[in-house]
Amino acid sequence: MSDDTITRMSLDRTRRQKGQTDWERVRREAEQDAPLADDPAFDEPEWDFARAVFVEAGGLDPHDLPEAKKAISLRVDRDVLDFFRSQGKGYQTRMNAVLRAYMEAVEKKG
């Protein structure tokens, strides 16, 4: 997160700050509309359980958990970054997969 998007303020100032929620509008709309759960236009999310893993009551073995990723700062050419970003959400995961494939290919060569 860059410093220009972070606003620092004291606890006292935070308490005095006026919220930006238009509560009158919220009340008005709540009176006019049905609750979201009763709204026929509300689409239930589609869940994909294809990769779900059944876990016994005892829980997961800590050795089965994926290793946590390490946050780093990496400089790449602008066109490389633009390419991966243009592929949509998950571009950093795809970049990691490309690096992993290279690493495994080099390790396989010996």
PDB file of N, CA and C in Angstrom:
ATOM      1  N   MET A   1       0.858  -1.160   0.000  1.00  0.00           N
ATOM      2  CA  MET A   1       0.000   0.000   0.000  1.00  0.00           C
ATOM      3  C   MET A   1       0.898   1.214   0.000  1.00  0.00           C
ATOM      4  N   SER A   2       0.624   2.173  -0.851  1.00  0.00           N
ATOM      5  CA  SER A   2       1.488   3.334  -0.920  1.00  0.00           C
ATOM      6  C   SER A   2       1.110   4.353   0.143  1.00  0.00           C
ATOM      7  N   ASP A   3       2.081   5.159   0.532  1.00  0.00           N
ATOM      8  CA  ASP A   3       1.864   6.140   1.599  1.00  0.00           C
ATOM      9  C   ASP A   3       0.823   7.184   1.239  1.00  0.00           C
ATOM     10  N   ASP A   4       0.601   7.450  -0.059  1.00  0.00           N
ATOM     11  CA  ASP A   4      -0.372   8.480  -0.427  1.00  0.00           C
ATOM     12  C   ASP A   4      -1.817   8.009  -0.253  1.00  0.00           C
ATOM     13  N   THR A   5      -2.036   6.741   0.008  1.00  0.00           N
ATOM     14  CA  THR A   5      -3.397   6.253   0.248  1.00  0.00           C
ATOM     15  C   THR A   5      -3.665   6.044   1.736  1.00  0.00           C
ATOM     16  N   ILE A   6      -2.678   6.316   2.564  1.00  0.00           N
ATOM     17  CA  ILE A   6      -2.819   6.132   3.996  1.00  0.00           C
ATOM     18  C   ILE A   6      -3.042   7.482   4.658  1.00  0.00           C
ATOM     19  N   THR A   7      -4.097   7.584   5.439  1.00  0.00           N
ATOM     20  CA  THR A   7      -4.364   8.801   6.191  1.00  0.00           C
ATOM     21  C   THR A   7      -4.130   8.498   7.655  1.00  0.00           C
ATOM     22  N   ARG A   8      -3.280   9.271   8.273  1.00  0.00           N
ATOM     23  CA  ARG A   8      -2.994   9.084   9.689  1.00  0.00           C
ATOM     24  C   ARG A   8      -3.716  10.163  10.479  1.00  0.00           C
ATOM     25  N   MET A   9      -4.381   9.748  11.549  1.00  0.00           N
ATOM     26  CA  MET A   9      -5.044  10.721  12.416  1.00  0.00           C
ATOM     27  C   MET A   9      -5.091  10.175  13.830  1.00  0.00           C
ATOM     28  N   SER A  10      -5.219  11.100  14.771  1.00  0.00           N
ATOM     29  CA  SER A  10      -5.253  10.703  16.173  1.00  0.00           C
ATOM     30  C   SER A  10      -6.585  10.039  16.490  1.00  0.00           C
ATOM     31  N   LEU A  11      -6.613   9.309  17.592  1.00  0.00           N
ATOM     32  CA  LEU A  11      -7.842   8.669  18.030  1.00  0.00           C
ATOM     33  C   LEU A  11      -8.910   9.722  18.317  1.00  0.00           C
ATOM     34  N   ASP A  12      -8.502  10.836  18.922  1.00  0.00           N
ATOM     35  CA  ASP A  12      -9.449  11.914  19.227  1.00  0.00           C
ATOM     36  C   ASP A  12     -10.064  12.476  17.941  1.00  0.00           C
ATOM     37  N   ARG A  13      -9.232  12.713  16.937  1.00  0.00           N
ATOM     38  CA  ARG A  13      -9.745  13.231  15.659  1.00  0.00           C
ATOM     39  C   ARG A  13     -10.666  12.213  15.005  1.00  0.00           C
ATOM     40  N   THR A  14     -10.326  10.936  15.080  1.00  0.00           N
ATOM     41  CA  THR A  14     -11.155   9.882  14.504  1.00  0.00           C
ATOM     42  C   THR A  14     -12.534   9.873  15.149  1.00  0.00           C
ATOM     43  N   ARG A  15     -12.569  10.032  16.464  1.00  0.00           N
ATOM     44  CA  ARG A  15     -13.851  10.047  17.175  1.00  0.00           C
ATOM     45  C   ARG A  15     -14.710  11.247  16.788  1.00  0.00           C
ATOM     46  N   ARG A  16     -14.067  12.387  16.485  1.00  0.00           N
ATOM     47  CA  ARG A  16     -14.818  13.596  16.108  1.00  0.00           C
ATOM     48  C   ARG A  16     -15.258  13.579  14.648  1.00  0.00           C
ATOM     49  N   GLN A  17     -14.633  12.736  13.843  1.00  0.00           N
ATOM     50  CA  GLN A  17     -14.905  12.716  12.405  1.00  0.00           C
ATOM     51  C   GLN A  17     -16.333  12.266  12.125  1.00  0.00           C
ATOM     52  N   LYS A  18     -17.002  12.977  11.236  1.00  0.00           N
ATOM     53  CA  LYS A  18     -18.369  12.647  10.858  1.00  0.00           C
ATOM     54  C   LYS A  18     -18.328  11.539   9.814  1.00  0.00           C
ATOM     55  N   GLY A  19     -19.157  10.531  10.000  1.00  0.00           N
ATOM     56  CA  GLY A  19     -19.232   9.456   9.022  1.00  0.00           C
ATOM     57  C   GLY A  19     -19.809   9.953   7.697  1.00  0.00           C
ATOM     58  N   GLN A  20     -19.560   9.227   6.627  1.00  0.00           N
ATOM     59  CA  GLN A  20     -20.041   9.620   5.314  1.00  0.00           C
ATOM     60  C   GLN A  20     -21.265   8.819   4.879  1.00  0.00           C
ATOM     61  N   THR A  21     -21.793   7.987   5.771  1.00  0.00           N
ATOM     62  CA  THR A  21     -22.964   7.190   5.432  1.00  0.00           C
ATOM     63  C   THR A  21     -24.211   8.056   5.481  1.00  0.00           C
ATOM     64  N   ASP A  22     -25.025   7.976   4.448  1.00  0.00           N
ATOM     65  CA  ASP A  22     -26.294   8.714   4.392  1.00  0.00           C
ATOM     66  C   ASP A  22     -27.365   7.826   5.032  1.00  0.00           C
ATOM     67  N   TRP A  23     -27.465   7.886   6.372  1.00  0.00           N
ATOM     68  CA  TRP A  23     -28.360   7.011   7.107  1.00  0.00           C
ATOM     69  C   TRP A  23     -29.820   7.235   6.750  1.00  0.00           C
ATOM     70  N   GLU A  24     -30.173   8.470   6.430  1.00  0.00           N
ATOM     71  CA  GLU A  24     -31.564   8.752   6.042  1.00  0.00           C
ATOM     72  C   GLU A  24     -31.901   7.996   4.759  1.00  0.00           C
ATOM     73  N   ARG A  25     -30.991   7.991   3.816  1.00  0.00           N
ATOM     74  CA  ARG A  25     -31.212   7.255   2.563  1.00  0.00           C
ATOM     75  C   ARG A  25     -31.306   5.751   2.822  1.00  0.00           C
ATOM     76  N   VAL A  26     -30.450   5.242   3.707  1.00  0.00           N
ATOM     77  CA  VAL A  26     -30.476   3.816   4.044  1.00  0.00           C
ATOM     78  C   VAL A  26     -31.842   3.449   4.623  1.00  0.00           C
ATOM     79  N   ARG A  27     -32.330   4.267   5.567  1.00  0.00           N
ATOM     80  CA  ARG A  27     -33.650   3.998   6.167  1.00  0.00           C
ATOM     81  C   ARG A  27     -34.763   4.042   5.125  1.00  0.00           C
ATOM     82  N   ARG A  28     -34.712   5.043   4.249  1.00  0.00           N
ATOM     83  CA  ARG A  28     -35.726   5.208   3.210  1.00  0.00           C
ATOM     84  C   ARG A  28     -35.750   4.007   2.268  1.00  0.00           C
ATOM     85  N   GLU A  29     -34.576   3.562   1.833  1.00  0.00           N
ATOM     86  CA  GLU A  29     -34.500   2.428   0.916  1.00  0.00           C
ATOM     87  C   GLU A  29     -34.905   1.129   1.607  1.00  0.00           C
ATOM     88  N   ALA A  30     -34.588   1.001   2.895  1.00  0.00           N
ATOM     89  CA  ALA A  30     -34.977  -0.197   3.630  1.00  0.00           C
ATOM     90  C   ALA A  30     -36.491  -0.303   3.734  1.00  0.00           C
ATOM     91  N   GLU A  31     -37.158   0.828   3.854  1.00  0.00           N
ATOM     92  CA  GLU A  31     -38.617   0.823   3.943  1.00  0.00           C
ATOM     93  C   GLU A  31     -39.256   0.461   2.599  1.00  0.00           C
ATOM     94  N   GLN A  32     -38.608   0.816   1.503  1.00  0.00           N
ATOM     95  CA  GLN A  32     -39.175   0.601   0.173  1.00  0.00           C
ATOM     96  C   GLN A  32     -38.877  -0.777  -0.395  1.00  0.00           C
ATOM     97  N   ASP A  33     -37.730  -1.326  -0.083  1.00  0.00           N
ATOM     98  CA  ASP A  33     -37.273  -2.572  -0.709  1.00  0.00           C
ATOM     99  C   ASP A  33     -37.441  -3.764   0.214  1.00  0.00           C
ATOM    100  N   ALA A  34     -37.587  -4.919  -0.396  1.00  0.00           N
ATOM    101  CA  ALA A  34     -37.615  -6.174   0.368  1.00  0.00           C
ATOM    102  C   ALA A  34     -36.200  -6.485   0.846  1.00  0.00           C
ATOM    103  N   PRO A  35     -36.060  -7.222   1.924  1.00  0.00           N
ATOM    104  CA  PRO A  35     -34.715  -7.635   2.339  1.00  0.00           C
ATOM    105  C   PRO A  35     -34.035  -8.418   1.218  1.00  0.00           C
ATOM    106  N   LEU A  36     -32.732  -8.301   1.147  1.00  0.00           N
ATOM    107  CA  LEU A  36     -31.960  -8.921   0.075  1.00  0.00           C
ATOM    108  C   LEU A  36     -32.247 -10.417  -0.062  1.00  0.00           C
ATOM    109  N   ALA A  37     -32.360 -11.125   1.040  1.00  0.00           N
ATOM    110  CA  ALA A  37     -32.589 -12.571   0.985  1.00  0.00           C
ATOM    111  C   ALA A  37     -33.928 -12.911   0.340  1.00  0.00           C
ATOM    112  N   ASP A  38     -34.925 -11.999   0.425  1.00  0.00           N
ATOM    113  CA  ASP A  38     -36.235 -12.243  -0.163  1.00  0.00           C
ATOM    114  C   ASP A  38     -36.366 -11.681  -1.570  1.00  0.00           C
ATOM    115  N   ASP A  39     -35.323 -11.057  -2.070  1.00  0.00           N
ATOM    116  CA  ASP A  39     -35.354 -10.419  -3.381  1.00  0.00           C
ATOM    117  C   ASP A  39     -35.163 -11.482  -4.464  1.00  0.00           C
ATOM    118  N   PRO A  40     -36.158 -11.687  -5.367  1.00  0.00           N
ATOM    119  CA  PRO A  40     -36.009 -12.716  -6.409  1.00  0.00           C
ATOM    120  C   PRO A  40     -34.893 -12.395  -7.400  1.00  0.00           C
ATOM    121  N   ALA A  41     -34.481 -11.132  -7.482  1.00  0.00           N
ATOM    122  CA  ALA A  41     -33.409 -10.765  -8.413  1.00  0.00           C
ATOM    123  C   ALA A  41     -32.030 -11.088  -7.838  1.00  0.00           C
ATOM    124  N   PHE A  42     -32.000 -11.421  -6.545  1.00  0.00           N
ATOM    125  CA  PHE A  42     -30.729 -11.736  -5.900  1.00  0.00           C
ATOM    126  C   PHE A  42     -30.221 -13.079  -6.412  1.00  0.00           C
ATOM    127  N   ASP A  43     -29.024 -13.084  -6.943  1.00  0.00           N
ATOM    128  CA  ASP A  43     -28.423 -14.314  -7.457  1.00  0.00           C
ATOM    129  C   ASP A  43     -27.570 -14.951  -6.374  1.00  0.00           C
ATOM    130  N   GLU A  44     -27.841 -16.193  -6.076  1.00  0.00           N
ATOM    131  CA  GLU A  44     -26.993 -16.929  -5.152  1.00  0.00           C
ATOM    132  C   GLU A  44     -25.624 -17.095  -5.801  1.00  0.00           C
ATOM    133  N   PRO A  45     -24.555 -16.988  -5.032  1.00  0.00           N
ATOM    134  CA  PRO A  45     -23.234 -17.209  -5.618  1.00  0.00           C
ATOM    135  C   PRO A  45     -23.098 -18.665  -6.053  1.00  0.00           C
ATOM    136  N   GLU A  46     -22.334 -18.866  -7.104  1.00  0.00           N
ATOM    137  CA  GLU A  46     -22.087 -20.223  -7.580  1.00  0.00           C
ATOM    138  C   GLU A  46     -20.796 -20.706  -6.925  1.00  0.00           C
ATOM    139  N   TRP A  47     -20.889 -21.800  -6.200  1.00  0.00           N
ATOM    140  CA  TRP A  47     -19.733 -22.346  -5.521  1.00  0.00           C
ATOM    141  C   TRP A  47     -19.189 -23.518  -6.318  1.00  0.00           C
ATOM    142  N   ASP A  48     -17.882 -23.530  -6.501  1.00  0.00           N
ATOM    143  CA  ASP A  48     -17.220 -24.621  -7.201  1.00  0.00           C
ATOM    144  C   ASP A  48     -16.496 -25.468  -6.166  1.00  0.00           C
ATOM    145  N   PHE A  49     -17.039 -26.642  -5.901  1.00  0.00           N
ATOM    146  CA  PHE A  49     -16.447 -27.521  -4.909  1.00  0.00           C
ATOM    147  C   PHE A  49     -15.548 -28.582  -5.549  1.00  0.00           C
ATOM    148  N   ALA A  50     -15.181 -28.404  -6.814  1.00  0.00           N
ATOM    149  CA  ALA A  50     -14.397 -29.406  -7.520  1.00  0.00           C
ATOM    150  C   ALA A  50     -13.051 -29.676  -6.855  1.00  0.00           C
ATOM    151  N   ARG A  51     -12.461 -28.654  -6.237  1.00  0.00           N
ATOM    152  CA  ARG A  51     -11.147 -28.842  -5.623  1.00  0.00           C
ATOM    153  C   ARG A  51     -11.229 -28.888  -4.107  1.00  0.00           C
ATOM    154  N   ALA A  52     -12.420 -29.105  -3.569  1.00  0.00           N
ATOM    155  CA  ALA A  52     -12.584 -29.164  -2.120  1.00  0.00           C
ATOM    156  C   ALA A  52     -11.900 -30.414  -1.568  1.00  0.00           C
ATOM    157  N   VAL A  53     -11.384 -30.308  -0.369  1.00  0.00           N
ATOM    158  CA  VAL A  53     -10.700 -31.418   0.284  1.00  0.00           C
ATOM    159  C   VAL A  53     -11.449 -31.736   1.565  1.00  0.00           C
ATOM    160  N   PHE A  54     -11.810 -32.997   1.724  1.00  0.00           N
ATOM    161  CA  PHE A  54     -12.489 -33.424   2.939  1.00  0.00           C
ATOM    162  C   PHE A  54     -11.476 -33.497   4.068  1.00  0.00           C
ATOM    163  N   VAL A  55     -11.807 -32.897   5.199  1.00  0.00           N
ATOM    164  CA  VAL A  55     -10.910 -32.894   6.344  1.00  0.00           C
ATOM    165  C   VAL A  55     -11.584 -33.654   7.471  1.00  0.00           C
ATOM    166  N   GLU A  56     -10.890 -34.642   7.997  1.00  0.00           N
ATOM    167  CA  GLU A  56     -11.412 -35.414   9.119  1.00  0.00           C
ATOM    168  C   GLU A  56     -11.581 -34.506  10.326  1.00  0.00           C
ATOM    169  N   ALA A  57     -12.354 -34.952  11.291  1.00  0.00           N
ATOM    170  CA  ALA A  57     -12.638 -34.153  12.480  1.00  0.00           C
ATOM    171  C   ALA A  57     -11.362 -33.717  13.192  1.00  0.00           C
ATOM    172  N   GLY A  58     -10.305 -34.487  13.064  1.00  0.00           N
ATOM    173  CA  GLY A  58      -9.051 -34.149  13.734  1.00  0.00           C
ATOM    174  C   GLY A  58      -8.347 -32.953  13.127  1.00  0.00           C
ATOM    175  N   GLY A  59      -8.763 -32.525  11.960  1.00  0.00           N
ATOM    176  CA  GLY A  59      -8.134 -31.374  11.320  1.00  0.00           C
ATOM    177  C   GLY A  59      -6.995 -31.767  10.405  1.00  0.00           C
ATOM    178  N   LEU A  60      -6.357 -30.766   9.859  1.00  0.00           N
ATOM    179  CA  LEU A  60      -5.251 -30.969   8.931  1.00  0.00           C
ATOM    180  C   LEU A  60      -3.949 -31.194   9.679  1.00  0.00           C
ATOM    181  N   ASP A  61      -3.119 -32.030   9.110  1.00  0.00           N
ATOM    182  CA  ASP A  61      -1.760 -32.183   9.593  1.00  0.00           C
ATOM    183  C   ASP A  61      -1.013 -30.912   9.175  1.00  0.00           C
ATOM    184  N   PRO A  62      -0.306 -30.245  10.078  1.00  0.00           N
ATOM    185  CA  PRO A  62       0.406 -29.013   9.719  1.00  0.00           C
ATOM    186  C   PRO A  62       1.355 -29.195   8.544  1.00  0.00           C
ATOM    187  N   HIS A  63       1.824 -30.421   8.319  1.00  0.00           N
ATOM    188  CA  HIS A  63       2.721 -30.669   7.192  1.00  0.00           C
ATOM    189  C   HIS A  63       1.983 -30.664   5.860  1.00  0.00           C
ATOM    190  N   ASP A  64       0.652 -30.772   5.888  1.00  0.00           N
ATOM    191  CA  ASP A  64      -0.140 -30.776   4.659  1.00  0.00           C
ATOM    192  C   ASP A  64      -0.523 -29.377   4.203  1.00  0.00           C
ATOM    193  N   LEU A  65      -0.316 -28.383   5.065  1.00  0.00           N
ATOM    194  CA  LEU A  65      -0.691 -27.015   4.715  1.00  0.00           C
ATOM    195  C   LEU A  65       0.312 -26.436   3.723  1.00  0.00           C
ATOM    196  N   PRO A  66      -0.163 -25.629   2.772  1.00  0.00           N
ATOM    197  CA  PRO A  66       0.778 -25.018   1.831  1.00  0.00           C
ATOM    198  C   PRO A  66       1.676 -24.024   2.566  1.00  0.00           C
ATOM    199  N   GLU A  67       2.886 -23.926   2.096  1.00  0.00           N
ATOM    200  CA  GLU A  67       3.829 -22.989   2.702  1.00  0.00           C
ATOM    201  C   GLU A  67       3.376 -21.559   2.400  1.00  0.00           C
ATOM    202  N   ALA A  68       3.499 -20.689   3.364  1.00  0.00           N
ATOM    203  CA  ALA A  68       3.093 -19.292   3.182  1.00  0.00           C
ATOM    204  C   ALA A  68       3.976 -18.626   2.136  1.00  0.00           C
ATOM    205  N   LYS A  69       3.376 -17.768   1.347  1.00  0.00           N
ATOM    206  CA  LYS A  69       4.137 -17.034   0.337  1.00  0.00           C
ATOM    207  C   LYS A  69       4.930 -15.930   1.025  1.00  0.00           C
ATOM    208  N   LYS A  70       6.013 -15.525   0.408  1.00  0.00           N
ATOM    209  CA  LYS A  70       6.876 -14.478   0.936  1.00  0.00           C
ATOM    210  C   LYS A  70       6.682 -13.220   0.099  1.00  0.00           C
ATOM    211  N   ALA A  71       6.316 -12.119   0.741  1.00  0.00           N
ATOM    212  CA  ALA A  71       6.152 -10.849   0.026  1.00  0.00           C
ATOM    213  C   ALA A  71       7.528 -10.260  -0.265  1.00  0.00           C
ATOM    214  N   ILE A  72       7.739  -9.881  -1.523  1.00  0.00           N
ATOM    215  CA  ILE A  72       9.008  -9.273  -1.928  1.00  0.00           C
ATOM    216  C   ILE A  72       8.724  -8.082  -2.826  1.00  0.00           C
ATOM    217  N   SER A  73       9.758  -7.331  -3.076  1.00  0.00           N
ATOM    218  CA  SER A  73       9.681  -6.262  -4.070  1.00  0.00           C
ATOM    219  C   SER A  73      10.476  -6.752  -5.268  1.00  0.00           C
ATOM    220  N   LEU A  74       9.854  -6.766  -6.433  1.00  0.00           N
ATOM    221  CA  LEU A  74      10.489  -7.322  -7.624  1.00  0.00           C
ATOM    222  C   LEU A  74      10.362  -6.323  -8.765  1.00  0.00           C
ATOM    223  N   ARG A  75      11.457  -6.032  -9.398  1.00  0.00           N
ATOM    224  CA  ARG A  75      11.424  -5.102 -10.536  1.00  0.00           C
ATOM    225  C   ARG A  75      11.373  -5.915 -11.827  1.00  0.00           C
ATOM    226  N   VAL A  76      10.334  -5.676 -12.617  1.00  0.00           N
ATOM    227  CA  VAL A  76      10.197  -6.347 -13.904  1.00  0.00           C
ATOM    228  C   VAL A  76       9.954  -5.287 -14.971  1.00  0.00           C
ATOM    229  N   ASP A  77      10.245  -5.651 -16.210  1.00  0.00           N
ATOM    230  CA  ASP A  77       9.996  -4.717 -17.307  1.00  0.00           C
ATOM    231  C   ASP A  77       8.516  -4.384 -17.389  1.00  0.00           C
ATOM    232  N   ARG A  78       8.229  -3.150 -17.779  1.00  0.00           N
ATOM    233  CA  ARG A  78       6.840  -2.670 -17.846  1.00  0.00           C
ATOM    234  C   ARG A  78       5.989  -3.563 -18.739  1.00  0.00           C
ATOM    235  N   ASP A  79       6.515  -3.970 -19.908  1.00  0.00           N
ATOM    236  CA  ASP A  79       5.704  -4.777 -20.820  1.00  0.00           C
ATOM    237  C   ASP A  79       5.411  -6.160 -20.245  1.00  0.00           C
ATOM    238  N   VAL A  80       6.327  -6.690 -19.449  1.00  0.00           N
ATOM    239  CA  VAL A  80       6.098  -7.990 -18.807  1.00  0.00           C
ATOM    240  C   VAL A  80       4.967  -7.859 -17.786  1.00  0.00           C
ATOM    241  N   LEU A  81       5.042  -6.824 -16.964  1.00  0.00           N
ATOM    242  CA  LEU A  81       4.000  -6.587 -15.965  1.00  0.00           C
ATOM    243  C   LEU A  81       2.653  -6.331 -16.638  1.00  0.00           C
ATOM    244  N   ASP A  82       2.653  -5.506 -17.679  1.00  0.00           N
ATOM    245  CA  ASP A  82       1.401  -5.216 -18.398  1.00  0.00           C
ATOM    246  C   ASP A  82       0.782  -6.484 -18.976  1.00  0.00           C
ATOM    247  N   PHE A  83       1.635  -7.370 -19.510  1.00  0.00           N
ATOM    248  CA  PHE A  83       1.138  -8.623 -20.070  1.00  0.00           C
ATOM    249  C   PHE A  83       0.432  -9.451 -19.005  1.00  0.00           C
ATOM    250  N   PHE A  84       1.103  -9.669 -17.866  1.00  0.00           N
ATOM    251  CA  PHE A  84       0.498 -10.496 -16.818  1.00  0.00           C
ATOM    252  C   PHE A  84      -0.761  -9.842 -16.250  1.00  0.00           C
ATOM    253  N   ARG A  85      -0.730  -8.528 -16.050  1.00  0.00           N
ATOM    254  CA  ARG A  85      -1.919  -7.835 -15.545  1.00  0.00           C
ATOM    255  C   ARG A  85      -3.077  -7.936 -16.523  1.00  0.00           C
ATOM    256  N   SER A  86      -2.779  -7.922 -17.807  1.00  0.00           N
ATOM    257  CA  SER A  86      -3.843  -7.993 -18.819  1.00  0.00           C
ATOM    258  C   SER A  86      -4.555  -9.345 -18.803  1.00  0.00           C
ATOM    259  N   GLN A  87      -3.940 -10.340 -18.179  1.00  0.00           N
ATOM    260  CA  GLN A  87      -4.553 -11.663 -18.084  1.00  0.00           C
ATOM    261  C   GLN A  87      -5.633 -11.719 -17.015  1.00  0.00           C
ATOM    262  N   GLY A  88      -5.748 -10.651 -16.214  1.00  0.00           N
ATOM    263  CA  GLY A  88      -6.820 -10.568 -15.231  1.00  0.00           C
ATOM    264  C   GLY A  88      -6.379 -10.923 -13.830  1.00  0.00           C
ATOM    265  N   LYS A  89      -7.386 -11.068 -12.985  1.00  0.00           N
ATOM    266  CA  LYS A  89      -7.163 -11.340 -11.571  1.00  0.00           C
ATOM    267  C   LYS A  89      -6.307 -12.596 -11.401  1.00  0.00           C
ATOM    268  N   GLY A  90      -5.404 -12.546 -10.446  1.00  0.00           N
ATOM    269  CA  GLY A  90      -4.527 -13.676 -10.194  1.00  0.00           C
ATOM    270  C   GLY A  90      -3.218 -13.612 -10.961  1.00  0.00           C
ATOM    271  N   TYR A  91      -2.892 -12.425 -11.497  1.00  0.00           N
ATOM    272  CA  TYR A  91      -1.686 -12.331 -12.324  1.00  0.00           C
ATOM    273  C   TYR A  91      -0.422 -12.628 -11.517  1.00  0.00           C
ATOM    274  N   GLN A  92      -0.403 -12.264 -10.234  1.00  0.00           N
ATOM    275  CA  GLN A  92       0.786 -12.546  -9.432  1.00  0.00           C
ATOM    276  C   GLN A  92       0.954 -14.057  -9.218  1.00  0.00           C
ATOM    277  N   THR A  93      -0.149 -14.758  -9.061  1.00  0.00           N
ATOM    278  CA  THR A  93      -0.098 -16.206  -8.924  1.00  0.00           C
ATOM    279  C   THR A  93       0.434 -16.835 -10.210  1.00  0.00           C
ATOM    280  N   ARG A  94       0.003 -16.310 -11.360  1.00  0.00           N
ATOM    281  CA  ARG A  94       0.511 -16.827 -12.640  1.00  0.00           C
ATOM    282  C   ARG A  94       2.001 -16.537 -12.798  1.00  0.00           C
ATOM    283  N   MET A  95       2.434 -15.351 -12.364  1.00  0.00           N
ATOM    284  CA  MET A  95       3.866 -15.037 -12.441  1.00  0.00           C
ATOM    285  C   MET A  95       4.653 -16.025 -11.577  1.00  0.00           C
ATOM    286  N   ASN A  96       4.122 -16.341 -10.398  1.00  0.00           N
ATOM    287  CA  ASN A  96       4.770 -17.314  -9.512  1.00  0.00           C
ATOM    288  C   ASN A  96       4.831 -18.683 -10.187  1.00  0.00           C
ATOM    289  N   ALA A  97       3.759 -19.064 -10.890  1.00  0.00           N
ATOM    290  CA  ALA A  97       3.723 -20.367 -11.564  1.00  0.00           C
ATOM    291  C   ALA A  97       4.772 -20.435 -12.665  1.00  0.00           C
ATOM    292  N   VAL A  98       4.969 -19.343 -13.392  1.00  0.00           N
ATOM    293  CA  VAL A  98       5.997 -19.309 -14.447  1.00  0.00           C
ATOM    294  C   VAL A  98       7.380 -19.452 -13.825  1.00  0.00           C
ATOM    295  N   LEU A  99       7.614 -18.726 -12.742  1.00  0.00           N
ATOM    296  CA  LEU A  99       8.914 -18.831 -12.065  1.00  0.00           C
ATOM    297  C   LEU A  99       9.131 -20.229 -11.498  1.00  0.00           C
ATOM    298  N   ARG A 100       8.076 -20.828 -10.962  1.00  0.00           N
ATOM    299  CA  ARG A 100       8.178 -22.189 -10.429  1.00  0.00           C
ATOM    300  C   ARG A 100       8.509 -23.173 -11.556  1.00  0.00           C
ATOM    301  N   ALA A 101       7.850 -23.041 -12.711  1.00  0.00           N
ATOM    302  CA  ALA A 101       8.112 -23.940 -13.836  1.00  0.00           C
ATOM    303  C   ALA A 101       9.575 -23.834 -14.281  1.00  0.00           C
ATOM    304  N   TYR A 102      10.095 -22.606 -14.318  1.00  0.00           N
ATOM    305  CA  TYR A 102      11.502 -22.414 -14.678  1.00  0.00           C
ATOM    306  C   TYR A 102      12.408 -23.074 -13.641  1.00  0.00           C
ATOM    307  N   MET A 103      12.118 -22.837 -12.342  1.00  0.00           N
ATOM    308  CA  MET A 103      12.918 -23.410 -11.270  1.00  0.00           C
ATOM    309  C   MET A 103      12.945 -24.942 -11.377  1.00  0.00           C
ATOM    310  N   GLU A 104      11.776 -25.545 -11.588  1.00  0.00           N
ATOM    311  CA  GLU A 104      11.693 -27.011 -11.658  1.00  0.00           C
ATOM    312  C   GLU A 104      12.407 -27.540 -12.888  1.00  0.00           C
ATOM    313  N   ALA A 105      12.356 -26.809 -14.009  1.00  0.00           N
ATOM    314  CA  ALA A 105      13.050 -27.247 -15.212  1.00  0.00           C
ATOM    315  C   ALA A 105      14.562 -27.216 -15.000  1.00  0.00           C
ATOM    316  N   VAL A 106      15.057 -26.166 -14.349  1.00  0.00           N
ATOM    317  CA  VAL A 106      16.499 -26.074 -14.082  1.00  0.00           C
ATOM    318  C   VAL A 106      16.925 -27.171 -13.109  1.00  0.00           C
ATOM    319  N   GLU A 107      16.106 -27.400 -12.071  1.00  0.00           N
ATOM    320  CA  GLU A 107      16.445 -28.454 -11.097  1.00  0.00           C
ATOM    321  C   GLU A 107      16.428 -29.838 -11.754  1.00  0.00           C
ATOM    322  N   LYS A 108      15.526 -30.029 -12.691  1.00  0.00           N
ATOM    323  CA  LYS A 108      15.420 -31.337 -13.365  1.00  0.00           C
ATOM    324  C   LYS A 108      16.653 -31.607 -14.221  1.00  0.00           C
ATOM    325  N   LYS A 109      17.191 -30.530 -14.857  1.00  0.00           N
ATOM    326  CA  LYS A 109      18.404 -30.676 -15.661  1.00  0.00           C
ATOM    327  C   LYS A 109      19.591 -31.073 -14.795  1.00  0.00           C
ATOM    328  N   GLY A 110      19.567 -30.612 -13.559  1.00  0.00           N
ATOM    329  CA  GLY A 110      20.662 -30.946 -12.629  1.00  0.00           C
ATOM    330  C   GLY A 110      21.658 -29.900 -12.644  1.00  0.00           C
TER     331      GLY A 110
END
